[in-house]
Amino acid sequence: MTPQPTTAFPSPIALDAMPSFSDYEADAVGRGFDEVMERVWTPGTHVHTHGHPFAVEALMVDGELTLTIGDETRVLHRGDRFTLTHDQPHEELYGGEGAVYWVARRHAAD
């Protein structure tokens, strides 16, 4: 079987199909993520280029996030998704109303 390409910006979830947080959490844990949480960001927050010691899969719930990964920048809203690999450099800029997203993290095995 040929591996499927991955993208930092998977297709969005239809707004009428948005899961509840508990459903999102159960799905993520079932796929091997070890930490799931809601992140709330204040308006105008700018997080300069950085990485994390874990992989990320996130779903935008409210507000706006301008996310730059490599040379690709996207403006994300409710229903949009993004993924990051371990230590993948990225930059975040939160919109005028801030943002809320649900994030699943997969930490590296010890």
C-alpha atoms as a PDB file:
ATOM      1  CA  MET A   1       0.000   0.000   0.000  1.00  0.00           C
ATOM      2  CA  THR A   2       1.310   3.449  -0.940  1.00  0.00           C
ATOM      3  CA  PRO A   3       1.424   5.906   1.962  1.00  0.00           C
ATOM      4  CA  GLN A   4      -1.059   8.747   1.579  1.00  0.00           C
ATOM      5  CA  PRO A   5       0.360  12.256   1.524  1.00  0.00           C
ATOM      6  CA  THR A   6      -0.333  14.330   4.594  1.00  0.00           C
ATOM      7  CA  THR A   7      -1.147  18.006   4.717  1.00  0.00           C
ATOM      8  CA  ALA A   8      -0.810  20.630   7.393  1.00  0.00           C
ATOM      9  CA  PHE A   9      -4.293  21.854   6.439  1.00  0.00           C
ATOM     10  CA  PRO A  10      -6.718  18.923   5.973  1.00  0.00           C
ATOM     11  CA  SER A  11     -10.176  19.566   4.521  1.00  0.00           C
ATOM     12  CA  PRO A  12     -12.466  21.494   6.875  1.00  0.00           C
ATOM     13  CA  ILE A  13     -15.329  19.879   8.749  1.00  0.00           C
ATOM     14  CA  ALA A  14     -18.788  20.995   7.605  1.00  0.00           C
ATOM     15  CA  LEU A  15     -20.285  23.342  10.183  1.00  0.00           C
ATOM     16  CA  ASP A  16     -23.385  21.161  10.533  1.00  0.00           C
ATOM     17  CA  ALA A  17     -21.132  18.170  11.275  1.00  0.00           C
ATOM     18  CA  MET A  18     -18.988  19.711  14.021  1.00  0.00           C
ATOM     19  CA  PRO A  19     -18.459  17.176  16.816  1.00  0.00           C
ATOM     20  CA  SER A  20     -18.933  17.869  20.499  1.00  0.00           C
ATOM     21  CA  PHE A  21     -15.732  18.219  22.509  1.00  0.00           C
ATOM     22  CA  SER A  22     -16.307  14.810  24.116  1.00  0.00           C
ATOM     23  CA  ASP A  23     -16.684  13.174  20.682  1.00  0.00           C
ATOM     24  CA  TYR A  24     -13.564  14.961  19.408  1.00  0.00           C
ATOM     25  CA  GLU A  25     -11.637  13.823  22.482  1.00  0.00           C
ATOM     26  CA  ALA A  26     -12.803  10.201  22.224  1.00  0.00           C
ATOM     27  CA  ASP A  27     -11.865  10.051  18.534  1.00  0.00           C
ATOM     28  CA  ALA A  28      -8.413  11.546  19.156  1.00  0.00           C
ATOM     29  CA  VAL A  29      -7.636   9.224  22.077  1.00  0.00           C
ATOM     30  CA  GLY A  30      -8.815   6.280  19.981  1.00  0.00           C
ATOM     31  CA  ARG A  31      -6.269   7.279  17.318  1.00  0.00           C
ATOM     32  CA  GLY A  32      -3.377   7.390  19.791  1.00  0.00           C
ATOM     33  CA  PHE A  33      -3.291  10.995  20.974  1.00  0.00           C
ATOM     34  CA  ASP A  34      -2.446  11.217  24.668  1.00  0.00           C
ATOM     35  CA  GLU A  35      -3.655  14.721  25.526  1.00  0.00           C
ATOM     36  CA  VAL A  36      -6.741  16.616  24.308  1.00  0.00           C
ATOM     37  CA  MET A  37      -7.732  20.115  25.410  1.00  0.00           C
ATOM     38  CA  GLU A  38      -9.453  23.341  24.482  1.00  0.00           C
ATOM     39  CA  ARG A  39      -7.171  26.315  23.846  1.00  0.00           C
ATOM     40  CA  VAL A  40      -8.528  29.868  24.134  1.00  0.00           C
ATOM     41  CA  TRP A  41      -6.472  32.756  22.734  1.00  0.00           C
ATOM     42  CA  THR A  42      -6.973  36.478  23.341  1.00  0.00           C
ATOM     43  CA  PRO A  43      -7.438  38.913  20.436  1.00  0.00           C
ATOM     44  CA  GLY A  44      -4.290  39.958  18.615  1.00  0.00           C
ATOM     45  CA  THR A  45      -1.963  37.447  20.267  1.00  0.00           C
ATOM     46  CA  HIS A  46       1.113  36.849  18.092  1.00  0.00           C
ATOM     47  CA  VAL A  47       3.196  33.751  18.769  1.00  0.00           C
ATOM     48  CA  HIS A  48       6.434  34.021  16.798  1.00  0.00           C
ATOM     49  CA  THR A  49       7.978  31.040  15.015  1.00  0.00           C
ATOM     50  CA  HIS A  50       8.391  28.085  17.367  1.00  0.00           C
ATOM     51  CA  GLY A  51       7.862  24.315  17.566  1.00  0.00           C
ATOM     52  CA  HIS A  52       6.521  21.828  20.103  1.00  0.00           C
ATOM     53  CA  PRO A  53       7.893  18.513  21.457  1.00  0.00           C
ATOM     54  CA  PHE A  54       4.663  16.801  20.348  1.00  0.00           C
ATOM     55  CA  ALA A  55       2.544  16.316  17.229  1.00  0.00           C
ATOM     56  CA  VAL A  56      -0.678  18.323  16.944  1.00  0.00           C
ATOM     57  CA  GLU A  57      -4.051  17.865  15.319  1.00  0.00           C
ATOM     58  CA  ALA A  58      -6.492  20.739  15.894  1.00  0.00           C
ATOM     59  CA  LEU A  59     -10.016  21.840  15.005  1.00  0.00           C
ATOM     60  CA  MET A  60     -11.007  25.517  15.007  1.00  0.00           C
ATOM     61  CA  VAL A  61     -14.133  26.111  17.087  1.00  0.00           C
ATOM     62  CA  ASP A  62     -14.446  29.905  17.082  1.00  0.00           C
ATOM     63  CA  GLY A  63     -12.627  33.067  16.020  1.00  0.00           C
ATOM     64  CA  GLU A  64      -9.746  33.447  13.597  1.00  0.00           C
ATOM     65  CA  LEU A  65      -6.164  32.189  13.444  1.00  0.00           C
ATOM     66  CA  THR A  66      -3.619  33.093  10.788  1.00  0.00           C
ATOM     67  CA  LEU A  67      -1.214  30.153  10.818  1.00  0.00           C
ATOM     68  CA  THR A  68       2.061  29.981   8.909  1.00  0.00           C
ATOM     69  CA  ILE A  69       3.737  26.599   8.441  1.00  0.00           C
ATOM     70  CA  GLY A  70       6.820  26.730   6.253  1.00  0.00           C
ATOM     71  CA  ASP A  71       6.013  28.955   3.281  1.00  0.00           C
ATOM     72  CA  GLU A  72       2.234  28.425   3.515  1.00  0.00           C
ATOM     73  CA  THR A  73      -0.052  30.817   5.388  1.00  0.00           C
ATOM     74  CA  ARG A  74      -3.755  30.188   5.945  1.00  0.00           C
ATOM     75  CA  VAL A  75      -6.491  32.113   7.722  1.00  0.00           C
ATOM     76  CA  LEU A  76      -8.499  29.564   9.717  1.00  0.00           C
ATOM     77  CA  HIS A  77     -12.073  29.782  11.051  1.00  0.00           C
ATOM     78  CA  ARG A  78     -14.676  27.482  12.636  1.00  0.00           C
ATOM     79  CA  GLY A  79     -14.483  24.014  11.089  1.00  0.00           C
ATOM     80  CA  ASP A  80     -10.949  24.423   9.709  1.00  0.00           C
ATOM     81  CA  ARG A  81      -8.280  21.958  10.795  1.00  0.00           C
ATOM     82  CA  PHE A  82      -4.505  21.952  11.021  1.00  0.00           C
ATOM     83  CA  THR A  83      -1.781  19.461  11.879  1.00  0.00           C
ATOM     84  CA  LEU A  84       1.815  19.850  13.008  1.00  0.00           C
ATOM     85  CA  THR A  85       4.537  17.250  13.317  1.00  0.00           C
ATOM     86  CA  HIS A  86       6.909  17.081  16.314  1.00  0.00           C
ATOM     87  CA  ASP A  87       9.038  20.252  16.454  1.00  0.00           C
ATOM     88  CA  GLN A  88       7.554  21.653  13.205  1.00  0.00           C
ATOM     89  CA  PRO A  89       8.246  25.403  13.055  1.00  0.00           C
ATOM     90  CA  HIS A  90       5.112  27.545  12.768  1.00  0.00           C
ATOM     91  CA  GLU A  91       3.841  31.035  13.582  1.00  0.00           C
ATOM     92  CA  GLU A  92       0.422  32.007  14.971  1.00  0.00           C
ATOM     93  CA  LEU A  93      -1.497  35.291  14.807  1.00  0.00           C
ATOM     94  CA  TYR A  94      -4.924  35.406  16.438  1.00  0.00           C
ATOM     95  CA  GLY A  95      -7.682  37.628  15.024  1.00  0.00           C
ATOM     96  CA  GLY A  96      -9.519  40.587  16.497  1.00  0.00           C
ATOM     97  CA  GLU A  97     -11.935  38.355  18.409  1.00  0.00           C
ATOM     98  CA  GLY A  98      -9.316  35.851  19.515  1.00  0.00           C
ATOM     99  CA  ALA A  99      -9.763  32.160  18.804  1.00  0.00           C
ATOM    100  CA  VAL A 100     -10.772  28.847  20.316  1.00  0.00           C
ATOM    101  CA  TYR A 101      -9.628  25.476  19.043  1.00  0.00           C
ATOM    102  CA  TRP A 102      -9.596  21.905  20.278  1.00  0.00           C
ATOM    103  CA  VAL A 103      -6.190  20.304  20.086  1.00  0.00           C
ATOM    104  CA  ALA A 104      -5.012  16.720  20.344  1.00  0.00           C
ATOM    105  CA  ARG A 105      -1.341  16.168  21.179  1.00  0.00           C
ATOM    106  CA  ARG A 106       0.788  13.087  20.645  1.00  0.00           C
ATOM    107  CA  HIS A 107       3.984  13.223  22.687  1.00  0.00           C
ATOM    108  CA  ALA A 108       7.098  11.394  21.577  1.00  0.00           C
ATOM    109  CA  ALA A 109       7.631   7.951  23.044  1.00  0.00           C
ATOM    110  CA  ASP A 110      10.242   7.915  25.811  1.00  0.00           C
END
